[in-house]
């Protein structure tokens, strides 16, 4: 028999979710134009102990030939063995207001058939943005979180040896294309919501005067006060300290693969009656041995199957929810009658279809 306390732990403790509280503006909004920028480049990793690309990866040999030509050496691509070299794609993130000379982390991933990048060194690689301009240059030894050892059927692989990271491995060469704050700022809500945008506008106007206006559910325009016209950074620092109560829509998130349900306390259930019953049919087959009597002739030993069928139906269990019932009452009631997490998922889907669930049901 299932334990109600165990089921309650498997499903969720919805009533333990805290009520909405004030959150810093720094955590829920961002400045328009102030964002990260993705960088990418193609490079070569050398110094591998025979774990580089094979001859089937033609672009590795061609890349090495082009590199040697720039160094003043002319070597045919077919004459090269690149088992100590691997072609990689190098990625990084350029932070807002990144200045030339600053360093950023980079990640290199093998794109050929190299089994491991362990012990390799990335040669100078230009990292380009979407506009085709080089914003950073990466170079240095790779740090791997795994390794590959052995050969053939005795290979031992730990973690992922074809991806490596170079902490502070790239130097910024071109300033980040971030927009400097002007006379007006556009605050972008990380989760668009009209109620939250209105509350942000109210909090800013109470603190700095009539300076904010909610354009829509996702953007709030703020005009710098007269005292901060030449001190936009100070104004943004003061703005980020303000707190606002973020509004949340009633939502239930269901993961049917793992039987996980997450829902807030503000989810309400319309008046509804639930009935649940289980029918179990069990079929068992046993094999008996039939032997002829002693001193008889012509008889043989036979295996005789014996099948028994049993059916058991549990009594129907019902739950009645009154007007204004919350998810806490629903979970407590379903747990009390022994419902499993997957039973509750099916019940929630039926409640949504019946129009009794006053929340968004999201299945992931």
Protein backbone atom coordinates (compact mmCIF):
# COMPACT_ATOMS: atom_id res chain seq x y z
CA UNK A 1 0.00 0.00 0.00
CA UNK A 2 1.35 3.42 -0.93
CA UNK A 3 2.30 5.84 1.78
CA UNK A 4 0.47 9.17 1.65
CA UNK A 5 3.48 10.99 3.04
CA UNK A 6 5.72 9.54 0.31
CA UNK A 7 3.25 10.56 -2.39
CA UNK A 8 3.10 14.06 -1.00
CA UNK A 9 6.89 14.34 -1.23
CA UNK A 10 6.91 12.98 -4.79
CA UNK A 11 4.21 15.35 -6.02
CA UNK A 12 4.98 18.70 -4.40
CA UNK A 13 4.40 20.76 -1.30
CA UNK A 14 2.41 23.50 -2.99
CA UNK A 15 1.50 25.19 0.25
CA UNK A 16 5.20 25.61 1.08
CA UNK A 17 5.75 28.00 -1.85
CA UNK A 18 6.22 31.47 -0.37
CA UNK A 19 3.92 34.31 -1.28
CA UNK A 20 5.17 36.90 -3.76
CA UNK A 21 7.75 39.24 -2.28
CA UNK A 22 9.54 42.36 -3.42
CA UNK A 23 12.32 41.81 -5.96
CA UNK A 24 15.10 44.17 -6.98
CA UNK A 25 14.65 45.84 -10.35
CA UNK A 26 18.18 44.67 -11.15
CA UNK A 27 16.91 41.08 -11.13
CA UNK A 28 13.83 41.52 -13.33
CA UNK A 29 14.76 44.22 -15.89
CA UNK A 30 17.61 44.96 -18.28
CA UNK A 31 18.62 48.07 -20.21
CA UNK A 32 17.78 48.08 -23.90
CA UNK A 33 21.00 47.77 -25.93
CA UNK A 34 23.07 46.58 -22.99
CA UNK A 35 23.50 42.88 -23.65
CA UNK A 36 25.97 40.10 -24.34
CA UNK A 37 27.21 39.37 -27.86
CA UNK A 38 28.03 35.92 -29.23
CA UNK A 39 31.43 35.36 -30.88
CA UNK A 40 32.63 32.42 -32.96
CA UNK A 41 35.78 31.41 -34.84
CA UNK A 42 37.54 28.50 -36.53
CA UNK A 43 40.90 27.38 -35.23
CA UNK A 44 43.41 24.58 -34.83
CA UNK A 45 44.47 22.73 -31.69
CA UNK A 46 48.01 21.31 -31.85
CA UNK A 47 50.19 19.22 -29.57
CA UNK A 48 47.82 16.28 -29.28
CA UNK A 49 49.39 12.89 -28.53
CA UNK A 50 48.03 11.11 -31.59
CA UNK A 51 44.41 11.92 -30.74
CA UNK A 52 43.89 14.49 -33.49
CA UNK A 53 41.89 14.31 -36.71
CA UNK A 54 42.32 11.44 -39.12
CA UNK A 55 42.85 11.65 -42.88
CA UNK A 56 39.09 11.49 -43.42
CA UNK A 57 38.85 15.05 -42.05
CA UNK A 58 40.21 16.88 -45.09
CA UNK A 59 39.79 20.43 -43.83
CA UNK A 60 42.25 19.85 -40.96
CA UNK A 61 45.10 19.12 -43.35
CA UNK A 62 44.08 22.01 -45.58
CA UNK A 63 43.96 24.40 -42.61
CA UNK A 64 47.41 23.28 -41.48
CA UNK A 65 48.75 23.77 -45.02
CA UNK A 66 47.38 27.32 -45.14
CA UNK A 67 48.90 28.05 -41.73
CA UNK A 68 52.32 26.81 -42.81
CA UNK A 69 52.14 28.87 -46.00
CA UNK A 70 51.63 32.00 -43.93
CA UNK A 71 54.75 30.99 -42.02
CA UNK A 72 56.73 30.72 -45.24
CA UNK A 73 56.55 26.93 -45.69
CA UNK A 74 54.96 25.23 -48.68
CA UNK A 75 53.81 21.67 -47.92
CA UNK A 76 51.20 19.74 -49.92
CA UNK A 77 48.10 18.88 -47.90
CA UNK A 78 48.26 15.21 -48.92
CA UNK A 79 51.76 14.93 -47.47
CA UNK A 80 50.64 15.91 -43.98
CA UNK A 81 49.50 13.66 -41.17
CA UNK A 82 47.32 15.62 -38.80
CA UNK A 83 46.99 13.08 -36.01
CA UNK A 84 48.48 15.62 -33.59
CA UNK A 85 46.21 18.44 -34.85
CA UNK A 86 42.45 18.93 -34.56
CA UNK A 87 40.12 21.45 -36.14
CA UNK A 88 37.85 23.16 -33.62
CA UNK A 89 35.10 25.74 -33.44
CA UNK A 90 35.82 28.37 -30.81
CA UNK A 91 32.98 30.22 -29.12
CA UNK A 92 32.83 32.97 -26.53
CA UNK A 93 30.56 35.67 -25.14
CA UNK A 94 31.51 39.33 -25.34
CA UNK A 95 30.05 41.15 -22.30
CA UNK A 96 28.48 44.60 -22.61
CA UNK A 97 30.98 47.47 -22.46
CA UNK A 98 33.87 45.04 -22.95
CA UNK A 99 36.99 47.12 -23.58
CA UNK A 100 40.12 46.32 -25.64
CA UNK A 101 42.71 44.56 -23.52
CA UNK A 102 40.19 42.80 -21.28
CA UNK A 103 40.11 39.02 -21.26
CA UNK A 104 37.18 36.64 -21.68
CA UNK A 105 36.77 32.87 -21.47
CA UNK A 106 36.52 30.74 -24.60
CA UNK A 107 35.35 27.21 -25.39
CA UNK A 108 36.78 25.01 -28.14
CA UNK A 109 34.91 22.00 -29.55
CA UNK A 110 36.24 19.46 -32.06
CA UNK A 111 34.44 19.42 -35.40
CA UNK A 112 36.38 16.57 -36.99
CA UNK A 113 36.92 12.99 -35.82
CA UNK A 114 39.51 13.75 -33.11
CA UNK A 115 38.73 11.50 -30.12
CA UNK A 116 40.29 13.84 -27.54
CA UNK A 117 41.68 17.35 -27.16
CA UNK A 118 43.65 16.49 -24.04
CA UNK A 119 46.94 18.34 -23.78
CA UNK A 120 46.27 20.51 -26.84
CA UNK A 121 47.04 24.18 -27.38
CA UNK A 122 44.74 26.43 -29.37
CA UNK A 123 46.58 28.52 -31.94
CA UNK A 124 45.71 32.19 -32.44
CA UNK A 125 42.08 32.31 -33.53
CA UNK A 126 40.04 35.38 -34.40
CA UNK A 127 36.54 35.47 -32.90
CA UNK A 128 33.97 37.23 -35.07
CA UNK A 129 30.57 38.68 -34.32
CA UNK A 130 27.44 38.48 -36.50
CA UNK A 131 28.69 41.53 -38.45
CA UNK A 132 31.86 39.68 -39.55
CA UNK A 133 34.20 41.86 -37.49
CA UNK A 134 36.89 40.34 -35.26
CA UNK A 135 36.19 41.36 -31.65
CA UNK A 136 38.62 39.10 -29.80
CA UNK A 137 41.60 36.81 -30.41
CA UNK A 138 41.93 33.51 -28.54
CA UNK A 139 45.00 31.37 -27.85
CA UNK A 140 46.28 29.08 -25.12
CA UNK A 141 46.21 25.58 -23.57
CA UNK A 142 42.88 23.80 -23.20
CA UNK A 143 41.47 22.65 -19.89
CA UNK A 144 39.35 19.50 -20.21
CA UNK A 145 36.95 18.02 -17.70
CA UNK A 146 37.58 14.49 -19.00
CA UNK A 147 39.95 12.22 -20.86
CA UNK A 148 40.07 9.25 -23.20
CA UNK A 149 42.57 6.44 -22.68
CA UNK A 150 43.23 3.07 -24.26
CA UNK A 151 42.74 1.78 -27.77
CA UNK A 152 40.22 -0.34 -29.62
CA UNK A 153 37.85 -2.27 -27.37
CA UNK A 154 39.71 -1.27 -24.20
CA UNK A 155 39.05 2.47 -24.46
CA UNK A 156 38.11 4.27 -21.27
CA UNK A 157 36.35 7.62 -21.68
CA UNK A 158 35.58 9.94 -18.76
CA UNK A 159 33.21 12.88 -19.23
CA UNK A 160 33.53 14.69 -22.59
CA UNK A 161 37.12 14.92 -23.91
CA UNK A 162 36.29 16.64 -27.23
CA UNK A 163 35.35 20.00 -25.66
CA UNK A 164 37.82 22.17 -23.79
CA UNK A 165 37.82 25.58 -22.14
CA UNK A 166 40.45 28.30 -21.86
CA UNK A 167 39.83 30.60 -18.87
CA UNK A 168 40.70 34.18 -19.85
CA UNK A 169 41.89 32.73 -23.14
CA UNK A 170 40.84 35.58 -25.43
CA UNK A 171 41.85 39.23 -25.51
CA UNK A 172 39.24 41.76 -26.60
CA UNK A 173 40.47 43.76 -29.60
CA UNK A 174 37.36 45.77 -30.44
CA UNK A 175 34.93 47.49 -28.03
CA UNK A 176 31.60 45.82 -27.43
CA UNK A 177 28.75 47.33 -29.50
CA UNK A 178 26.72 48.19 -26.39
CA UNK A 179 24.62 51.36 -26.38
CA UNK A 180 25.61 54.03 -23.86
CA UNK A 181 22.70 55.32 -21.73
CA UNK A 182 21.26 58.58 -23.03
CA UNK A 183 18.67 61.06 -21.76
CA UNK A 184 16.03 58.31 -21.71
CA UNK A 185 16.34 54.66 -20.78
CA UNK A 186 14.26 51.72 -21.91
CA UNK A 187 13.86 49.05 -19.23
CA UNK A 188 13.06 45.63 -20.65
CA UNK A 189 11.23 43.21 -18.36
CA UNK A 190 12.69 39.72 -18.47
CA UNK A 191 9.14 38.35 -18.33
CA UNK A 192 6.60 40.61 -20.00
CA UNK A 193 3.61 41.36 -17.77
CA UNK A 194 1.31 44.40 -17.74
CA UNK A 195 0.81 44.34 -13.98
CA UNK A 196 4.53 44.17 -13.27
CA UNK A 197 5.25 46.94 -15.79
CA UNK A 198 2.66 49.16 -14.10
CA UNK A 199 4.19 48.49 -10.69
CA UNK A 200 7.67 49.34 -11.99
CA UNK A 201 6.34 52.63 -13.35
CA UNK A 202 4.71 53.43 -10.01
CA UNK A 203 7.83 52.64 -7.97
CA UNK A 204 10.05 54.81 -10.19
CA UNK A 205 7.67 57.76 -10.14
CA UNK A 206 7.38 57.60 -6.36
CA UNK A 207 11.17 57.65 -6.02
CA UNK A 208 12.27 60.13 -8.73
CA UNK A 209 9.11 62.02 -9.65
CA UNK A 210 7.19 61.75 -12.91
CA UNK A 211 9.99 60.12 -14.94
CA UNK A 212 8.65 56.68 -15.94
CA UNK A 213 6.00 55.47 -18.36
CA UNK A 214 5.06 51.88 -19.20
CA UNK A 215 5.00 51.59 -22.99
CA UNK A 216 3.70 48.03 -23.01
CA UNK A 217 3.94 44.78 -21.04
CA UNK A 218 7.67 44.45 -21.69
CA UNK A 219 9.16 47.98 -21.85
CA UNK A 220 9.17 50.88 -19.38
CA UNK A 221 10.65 54.18 -20.59
CA UNK A 222 12.49 56.29 -17.99
CA UNK A 223 13.71 59.86 -18.49
CA UNK A 224 16.76 60.82 -16.46
CA UNK A 225 15.91 63.34 -13.73
CA UNK A 226 17.51 66.76 -13.98
CA UNK A 227 19.93 65.96 -11.16
CA UNK A 228 21.26 62.88 -12.99
CA UNK A 229 21.63 64.21 -16.56
CA UNK A 230 25.41 63.91 -16.42
CA UNK A 231 25.45 60.97 -14.00
CA UNK A 232 23.55 58.24 -15.82
CA UNK A 233 25.61 55.47 -14.18
CA UNK A 234 24.72 56.75 -10.71
CA UNK A 235 21.05 56.94 -11.66
CA UNK A 236 21.05 53.36 -12.96
CA UNK A 237 22.75 52.19 -9.76
CA UNK A 238 20.01 53.85 -7.67
CA UNK A 239 17.33 52.47 -9.98
CA UNK A 240 18.57 48.89 -9.61
CA UNK A 241 18.25 49.08 -5.82
CA UNK A 242 14.50 49.71 -5.93
CA UNK A 243 12.21 46.76 -5.24
CA UNK A 244 8.91 45.82 -6.82
CA UNK A 245 6.48 42.97 -6.30
CA UNK A 246 6.52 40.92 -9.48
CA UNK A 247 3.16 39.54 -10.58
CA UNK A 248 2.83 35.90 -11.59
CA UNK A 249 0.16 34.22 -13.62
CA UNK A 250 -1.50 31.11 -12.28
CA UNK A 251 0.39 28.25 -13.93
CA UNK A 252 0.89 24.55 -13.41
CA UNK A 253 3.96 22.93 -14.97
CA UNK A 254 3.79 19.17 -15.50
CA UNK A 255 6.62 16.82 -16.49
CA UNK A 256 4.89 13.56 -17.30
CA UNK A 257 8.18 11.74 -17.96
CA UNK A 258 9.32 12.16 -14.37
CA UNK A 259 5.95 12.57 -12.68
CA UNK A 260 6.82 16.04 -11.41
CA UNK A 261 4.22 18.74 -10.82
CA UNK A 262 5.02 22.33 -9.86
CA UNK A 263 2.24 24.81 -9.17
CA UNK A 264 1.82 27.96 -7.14
CA UNK A 265 -0.53 28.55 -4.26
CA UNK A 266 -2.57 31.10 -6.23
CA UNK A 267 -4.03 28.39 -8.48
CA UNK A 268 -7.76 28.00 -7.81
CA UNK A 269 -10.16 25.20 -8.65
CA UNK A 270 -13.80 25.75 -9.59
CA UNK A 271 -16.48 23.71 -7.76
CA UNK A 272 -16.04 20.17 -9.02
CA UNK A 273 -16.39 16.53 -7.93
CA UNK A 274 -13.68 13.98 -8.71
CA UNK A 275 -14.12 10.21 -8.76
CA UNK A 276 -11.29 7.73 -9.10
CA UNK A 277 -11.30 3.93 -9.09
CA UNK A 278 -8.88 1.20 -10.15
CA UNK A 279 -9.67 -2.12 -11.80
CA UNK A 280 -6.91 -4.72 -11.56
CA UNK A 281 -7.01 -7.93 -13.60
CA UNK A 282 -4.39 -10.57 -12.78
CA UNK A 283 -3.76 -13.66 -14.92
CA UNK A 284 -1.42 -16.36 -13.62
CA UNK A 285 -0.32 -19.54 -15.38
CA UNK A 286 1.21 -22.49 -13.52
CA UNK A 287 2.56 -25.66 -15.04
CA UNK A 288 1.76 -29.07 -13.56
CA UNK A 289 3.28 -32.44 -14.45
CA UNK A 290 1.01 -35.39 -15.31
CA UNK A 291 2.66 -38.82 -15.10
CA UNK A 292 1.21 -42.24 -16.05
CA UNK A 293 0.45 -44.79 -13.32
CA UNK A 294 3.12 -47.22 -12.26
CA UNK A 295 3.59 -50.41 -14.31
CA UNK A 296 1.55 -49.06 -17.25
CA UNK A 297 2.72 -49.13 -20.83
CA UNK A 298 2.30 -46.51 -23.53
CA UNK A 299 1.89 -43.59 -21.21
CA UNK A 300 4.08 -40.45 -21.32
CA UNK A 301 4.74 -37.62 -18.93
CA UNK A 302 2.88 -34.42 -19.89
CA UNK A 303 3.23 -30.80 -18.77
CA UNK A 304 -0.26 -29.39 -18.16
CA UNK A 305 -0.67 -25.59 -17.95
CA UNK A 306 -3.19 -24.33 -15.40
CA UNK A 307 -4.43 -20.75 -15.83
CA UNK A 308 -6.24 -18.77 -13.17
CA UNK A 309 -7.87 -15.38 -13.68
CA UNK A 310 -8.60 -13.00 -10.86
CA UNK A 311 -10.13 -9.54 -10.96
CA UNK A 312 -10.10 -6.95 -8.20
CA UNK A 313 -11.73 -3.56 -8.37
CA UNK A 314 -11.06 -0.99 -5.72
CA UNK A 315 -14.01 1.07 -4.56
CA UNK A 316 -14.43 4.43 -6.25
CA UNK A 317 -12.94 7.29 -4.25
CA UNK A 318 -14.38 10.75 -4.63
CA UNK A 319 -13.23 14.26 -3.80
CA UNK A 320 -15.55 17.27 -3.65
CA UNK A 321 -14.07 20.77 -3.97
CA UNK A 322 -16.09 23.81 -3.03
CA UNK A 323 -16.04 27.32 -4.47
CA UNK A 324 -12.65 29.01 -4.15
CA UNK A 325 -10.73 25.82 -3.46
CA UNK A 326 -6.98 26.22 -3.78
CA UNK A 327 -4.33 23.90 -5.08
CA UNK A 328 -3.35 23.17 -1.48
CA UNK A 329 -6.75 21.67 -0.79
CA UNK A 330 -6.65 19.74 -4.08
CA UNK A 331 -3.25 18.18 -3.37
CA UNK A 332 -4.16 17.32 0.20
CA UNK A 333 -7.39 15.68 -0.92
CA UNK A 334 -5.78 13.67 -3.75
CA UNK A 335 -2.94 12.57 -1.48
CA UNK A 336 -5.42 11.47 1.16
CA UNK A 337 -7.13 9.05 -1.24
CA UNK A 338 -3.80 7.54 -2.30
CA UNK A 339 -3.37 9.13 -5.74
CA UNK A 340 0.07 8.81 -7.30
CA UNK A 341 1.82 11.71 -9.08
CA UNK A 342 0.81 10.33 -12.48
CA UNK A 343 -2.80 10.01 -11.30
CA UNK A 344 -2.76 13.67 -10.29
CA UNK A 345 -1.31 14.64 -13.70
CA UNK A 346 -4.22 12.90 -15.43
CA UNK A 347 -6.70 14.52 -13.04
CA UNK A 348 -5.25 17.98 -13.72
CA UNK A 349 -5.58 17.45 -17.47
CA UNK A 350 -9.20 16.38 -17.02
CA UNK A 351 -9.88 19.42 -14.82
CA UNK A 352 -8.45 21.68 -17.52
CA UNK A 353 -10.62 20.04 -20.18
CA UNK A 354 -13.68 20.47 -17.95
CA UNK A 355 -12.93 24.18 -17.47
CA UNK A 356 -12.58 23.80 -13.71
CA UNK A 357 -8.85 24.61 -13.51
CA UNK A 358 -8.29 28.35 -13.29
CA UNK A 359 -4.66 28.24 -14.40
CA UNK A 360 -2.42 27.67 -17.40
CA UNK A 361 -1.47 24.00 -17.70
CA UNK A 362 1.97 23.62 -19.29
CA UNK A 363 3.35 20.18 -20.13
CA UNK A 364 7.12 19.92 -20.65
